[in-house]
C-alpha cells in the first residue's frame, strides 16, 4: 500500500501589522506568505549533528586564525 501525503489548506486570521511585516520579509515579489513563514520557522529549527560539528569546526578555524578577511580576498582577486 502506498503512502500519500495529504495537504490541507486552511485560512488563518492575522493582523494588518503582521501582513505588512510578512510583506516586508519577502525576498522577491511573488514569494508566498507560506514561503516567508517557512523561512522564519526554519530559523528556529534544531540544527542536525553534522551542521553542529561544522559550526564548531568553523569556530575553531577562526580562533586559530585560519580565515581570510574581506579585504584580503578582494586583494587576492584583484578587486
N, C-alpha and C. Protein backbone atom coordinates (compact mmCIF):
# COMPACT_ATOMS: atom_id res chain seq x y z
N UNK A 1 0.84 -1.17 0.00
CA UNK A 1 0.00 0.00 0.00
C UNK A 1 0.89 1.24 0.00
N UNK A 2 0.61 2.18 -0.86
CA UNK A 2 1.43 3.39 -1.00
C UNK A 2 1.10 4.39 0.10
N UNK A 3 2.11 5.15 0.48
CA UNK A 3 1.90 6.24 1.44
C UNK A 3 1.62 7.52 0.68
N UNK A 4 0.61 8.24 1.09
CA UNK A 4 0.28 9.50 0.44
C UNK A 4 0.33 10.62 1.47
N UNK A 5 0.87 11.73 1.06
CA UNK A 5 0.88 12.90 1.93
C UNK A 5 -0.35 13.72 1.59
N UNK A 6 -1.13 13.99 2.57
CA UNK A 6 -2.34 14.79 2.37
C UNK A 6 -2.04 16.21 2.82
N UNK A 7 -2.24 17.15 1.92
CA UNK A 7 -2.07 18.54 2.30
C UNK A 7 -3.45 19.17 2.41
N UNK A 8 -3.59 19.94 3.43
CA UNK A 8 -4.86 20.59 3.65
C UNK A 8 -4.62 22.08 3.82
N UNK A 9 -5.20 22.85 2.94
CA UNK A 9 -5.07 24.30 3.05
C UNK A 9 -6.04 24.79 4.10
N UNK A 10 -5.63 25.82 4.80
CA UNK A 10 -6.50 26.41 5.79
C UNK A 10 -6.35 27.91 5.74
N UNK A 11 -7.29 28.61 6.28
CA UNK A 11 -7.24 30.06 6.33
C UNK A 11 -6.99 30.46 7.77
N UNK A 12 -6.11 31.43 7.94
CA UNK A 12 -5.86 31.94 9.29
C UNK A 12 -6.08 33.45 9.27
N UNK A 13 -6.40 33.98 10.44
CA UNK A 13 -6.56 35.42 10.55
C UNK A 13 -5.30 36.00 11.17
N UNK A 14 -4.80 37.05 10.54
CA UNK A 14 -3.65 37.76 11.08
C UNK A 14 -3.93 39.25 11.00
N UNK A 15 -3.27 39.98 11.83
CA UNK A 15 -3.47 41.44 11.85
C UNK A 15 -2.83 42.09 10.63
N UNK A 16 -3.25 43.30 10.34
CA UNK A 16 -2.67 44.06 9.23
C UNK A 16 -1.18 44.28 9.48
N UNK A 17 -0.83 44.50 10.74
CA UNK A 17 0.58 44.71 11.09
C UNK A 17 1.41 43.49 10.72
N UNK A 18 0.89 42.28 11.01
CA UNK A 18 1.62 41.07 10.68
C UNK A 18 1.72 40.88 9.16
N UNK A 19 0.63 41.16 8.45
CA UNK A 19 0.65 41.07 6.99
C UNK A 19 1.72 42.00 6.43
N UNK A 20 1.77 43.21 6.95
CA UNK A 20 2.79 44.18 6.49
C UNK A 20 4.19 43.67 6.79
N UNK A 21 4.37 43.07 7.97
CA UNK A 21 5.68 42.52 8.33
C UNK A 21 6.07 41.39 7.39
N UNK A 22 5.11 40.49 7.09
CA UNK A 22 5.39 39.39 6.16
C UNK A 22 5.73 39.93 4.78
N UNK A 23 5.00 40.94 4.33
CA UNK A 23 5.31 41.55 3.02
C UNK A 23 6.74 42.08 2.98
N UNK A 24 7.15 42.72 4.07
CA UNK A 24 8.50 43.29 4.13
C UNK A 24 9.59 42.23 4.18
N UNK A 25 9.24 41.03 4.60
CA UNK A 25 10.22 39.94 4.69
C UNK A 25 10.34 39.15 3.39
N UNK A 26 9.50 39.43 2.43
CA UNK A 26 9.58 38.73 1.15
C UNK A 26 10.92 39.00 0.50
N UNK A 27 11.50 37.94 -0.07
CA UNK A 27 12.78 38.09 -0.76
C UNK A 27 12.56 38.45 -2.23
N UNK A 28 11.38 38.16 -2.74
CA UNK A 28 11.02 38.55 -4.10
C UNK A 28 9.51 38.77 -4.14
N UNK A 29 9.04 39.55 -5.12
CA UNK A 29 7.64 39.99 -5.16
C UNK A 29 6.61 38.87 -5.10
N UNK A 30 6.83 37.78 -5.78
CA UNK A 30 5.83 36.72 -5.86
C UNK A 30 5.99 35.65 -4.79
N UNK A 31 6.89 35.87 -3.83
CA UNK A 31 7.07 34.90 -2.76
C UNK A 31 5.79 34.83 -1.92
N UNK A 32 5.32 33.62 -1.67
CA UNK A 32 4.07 33.46 -0.91
C UNK A 32 4.31 33.67 0.57
N UNK A 33 3.22 33.97 1.28
CA UNK A 33 3.33 34.10 2.73
C UNK A 33 3.77 32.77 3.34
N UNK A 34 3.33 31.66 2.76
CA UNK A 34 3.75 30.36 3.28
C UNK A 34 5.27 30.22 3.21
N UNK A 35 5.85 30.63 2.08
CA UNK A 35 7.31 30.55 1.95
C UNK A 35 8.01 31.43 2.98
N UNK A 36 7.47 32.62 3.20
CA UNK A 36 8.06 33.53 4.19
C UNK A 36 7.99 32.90 5.57
N UNK A 37 6.83 32.33 5.91
CA UNK A 37 6.66 31.71 7.22
C UNK A 37 7.58 30.52 7.38
N UNK A 38 7.71 29.68 6.35
CA UNK A 38 8.63 28.53 6.44
C UNK A 38 10.06 29.00 6.67
N UNK A 39 10.47 30.09 6.01
CA UNK A 39 11.81 30.62 6.23
C UNK A 39 12.01 31.02 7.70
N UNK A 40 10.97 31.62 8.28
CA UNK A 40 11.05 32.02 9.69
C UNK A 40 11.10 30.80 10.60
N UNK A 41 10.28 29.81 10.30
CA UNK A 41 10.24 28.59 11.11
C UNK A 41 11.58 27.86 11.02
N UNK A 42 12.12 27.81 9.83
CA UNK A 42 13.40 27.12 9.63
C UNK A 42 14.49 27.72 10.50
N UNK A 43 14.44 29.04 10.68
CA UNK A 43 15.45 29.71 11.50
C UNK A 43 15.43 29.26 12.95
N UNK A 44 14.32 28.69 13.40
CA UNK A 44 14.22 28.27 14.80
C UNK A 44 14.34 26.76 14.97
N UNK A 45 14.48 26.03 13.87
CA UNK A 45 14.57 24.58 13.96
C UNK A 45 15.94 24.16 14.47
N UNK A 46 15.98 23.01 15.08
CA UNK A 46 17.22 22.47 15.62
C UNK A 46 18.19 22.10 14.49
N UNK A 47 19.45 22.41 14.67
CA UNK A 47 20.47 22.03 13.70
C UNK A 47 20.78 20.55 13.86
N UNK A 48 21.05 19.88 12.74
CA UNK A 48 21.42 18.46 12.85
C UNK A 48 22.86 18.35 13.36
N UNK A 49 23.24 17.16 13.76
CA UNK A 49 24.55 16.94 14.38
C UNK A 49 25.70 17.30 13.45
N UNK A 50 25.57 16.98 12.17
CA UNK A 50 26.64 17.31 11.22
C UNK A 50 26.84 18.82 11.14
N UNK A 51 25.76 19.56 11.07
CA UNK A 51 25.85 21.01 11.00
C UNK A 51 26.47 21.57 12.27
N UNK A 52 26.09 21.04 13.42
CA UNK A 52 26.68 21.48 14.68
C UNK A 52 28.19 21.27 14.68
N UNK A 53 28.64 20.09 14.16
CA UNK A 53 30.09 19.82 14.10
C UNK A 53 30.77 20.81 13.16
N UNK A 54 30.13 21.10 12.02
CA UNK A 54 30.71 22.04 11.06
C UNK A 54 30.82 23.45 11.65
N UNK A 55 29.82 23.86 12.41
CA UNK A 55 29.86 25.17 13.06
C UNK A 55 31.00 25.21 14.07
N UNK A 56 31.14 24.16 14.86
CA UNK A 56 32.23 24.10 15.84
C UNK A 56 33.59 24.12 15.16
N UNK A 57 33.72 23.41 14.03
CA UNK A 57 34.99 23.40 13.29
C UNK A 57 35.28 24.79 12.74
N UNK A 58 34.28 25.46 12.23
CA UNK A 58 34.46 26.81 11.72
C UNK A 58 34.90 27.76 12.83
N UNK A 59 34.28 27.63 13.99
CA UNK A 59 34.68 28.46 15.13
C UNK A 59 36.13 28.20 15.52
N UNK A 60 36.53 26.94 15.53
CA UNK A 60 37.92 26.59 15.86
C UNK A 60 38.88 27.16 14.82
N UNK A 61 38.51 27.08 13.54
CA UNK A 61 39.34 27.63 12.47
C UNK A 61 39.52 29.13 12.64
N UNK A 62 38.44 29.81 12.96
CA UNK A 62 38.52 31.26 13.15
C UNK A 62 39.42 31.59 14.34
N UNK A 63 39.23 30.86 15.43
CA UNK A 63 40.05 31.07 16.63
C UNK A 63 41.53 30.84 16.33
N UNK A 64 41.81 29.89 15.45
CA UNK A 64 43.20 29.56 15.09
C UNK A 64 43.75 30.49 14.00
N UNK A 65 42.93 31.43 13.55
CA UNK A 65 43.39 32.37 12.53
C UNK A 65 43.33 31.83 11.11
N UNK A 66 42.62 30.72 10.92
CA UNK A 66 42.52 30.11 9.59
C UNK A 66 41.34 30.70 8.83
N UNK A 67 41.51 31.94 8.40
CA UNK A 67 40.47 32.61 7.62
C UNK A 67 41.09 33.76 6.87
N UNK A 68 40.35 34.29 5.91
CA UNK A 68 40.76 35.47 5.16
C UNK A 68 39.76 36.58 5.43
N UNK A 69 40.25 37.80 5.58
CA UNK A 69 39.34 38.92 5.73
C UNK A 69 38.78 39.29 4.36
N UNK A 70 37.73 40.07 4.36
CA UNK A 70 37.13 40.54 3.12
C UNK A 70 38.17 41.30 2.29
N UNK A 71 38.93 42.13 2.95
CA UNK A 71 39.96 42.91 2.23
C UNK A 71 41.03 42.00 1.63
N UNK A 72 41.43 40.95 2.33
CA UNK A 72 42.43 40.02 1.81
C UNK A 72 41.89 39.30 0.55
N UNK A 73 40.66 38.91 0.57
CA UNK A 73 40.06 38.23 -0.57
C UNK A 73 40.00 39.18 -1.75
N UNK A 74 39.55 40.41 -1.50
CA UNK A 74 39.48 41.39 -2.60
C UNK A 74 40.86 41.63 -3.22
N UNK A 75 41.87 41.75 -2.36
CA UNK A 75 43.24 42.00 -2.85
C UNK A 75 43.71 40.80 -3.66
N UNK A 76 43.47 39.58 -3.17
CA UNK A 76 43.89 38.37 -3.87
C UNK A 76 43.22 38.25 -5.23
N UNK A 77 41.96 38.66 -5.31
CA UNK A 77 41.21 38.60 -6.56
C UNK A 77 41.42 39.81 -7.46
N UNK A 78 42.17 40.78 -6.94
CA UNK A 78 42.45 41.99 -7.72
C UNK A 78 41.25 42.90 -7.86
N UNK A 79 40.42 42.92 -6.85
CA UNK A 79 39.23 43.79 -6.89
C UNK A 79 39.46 45.09 -6.14
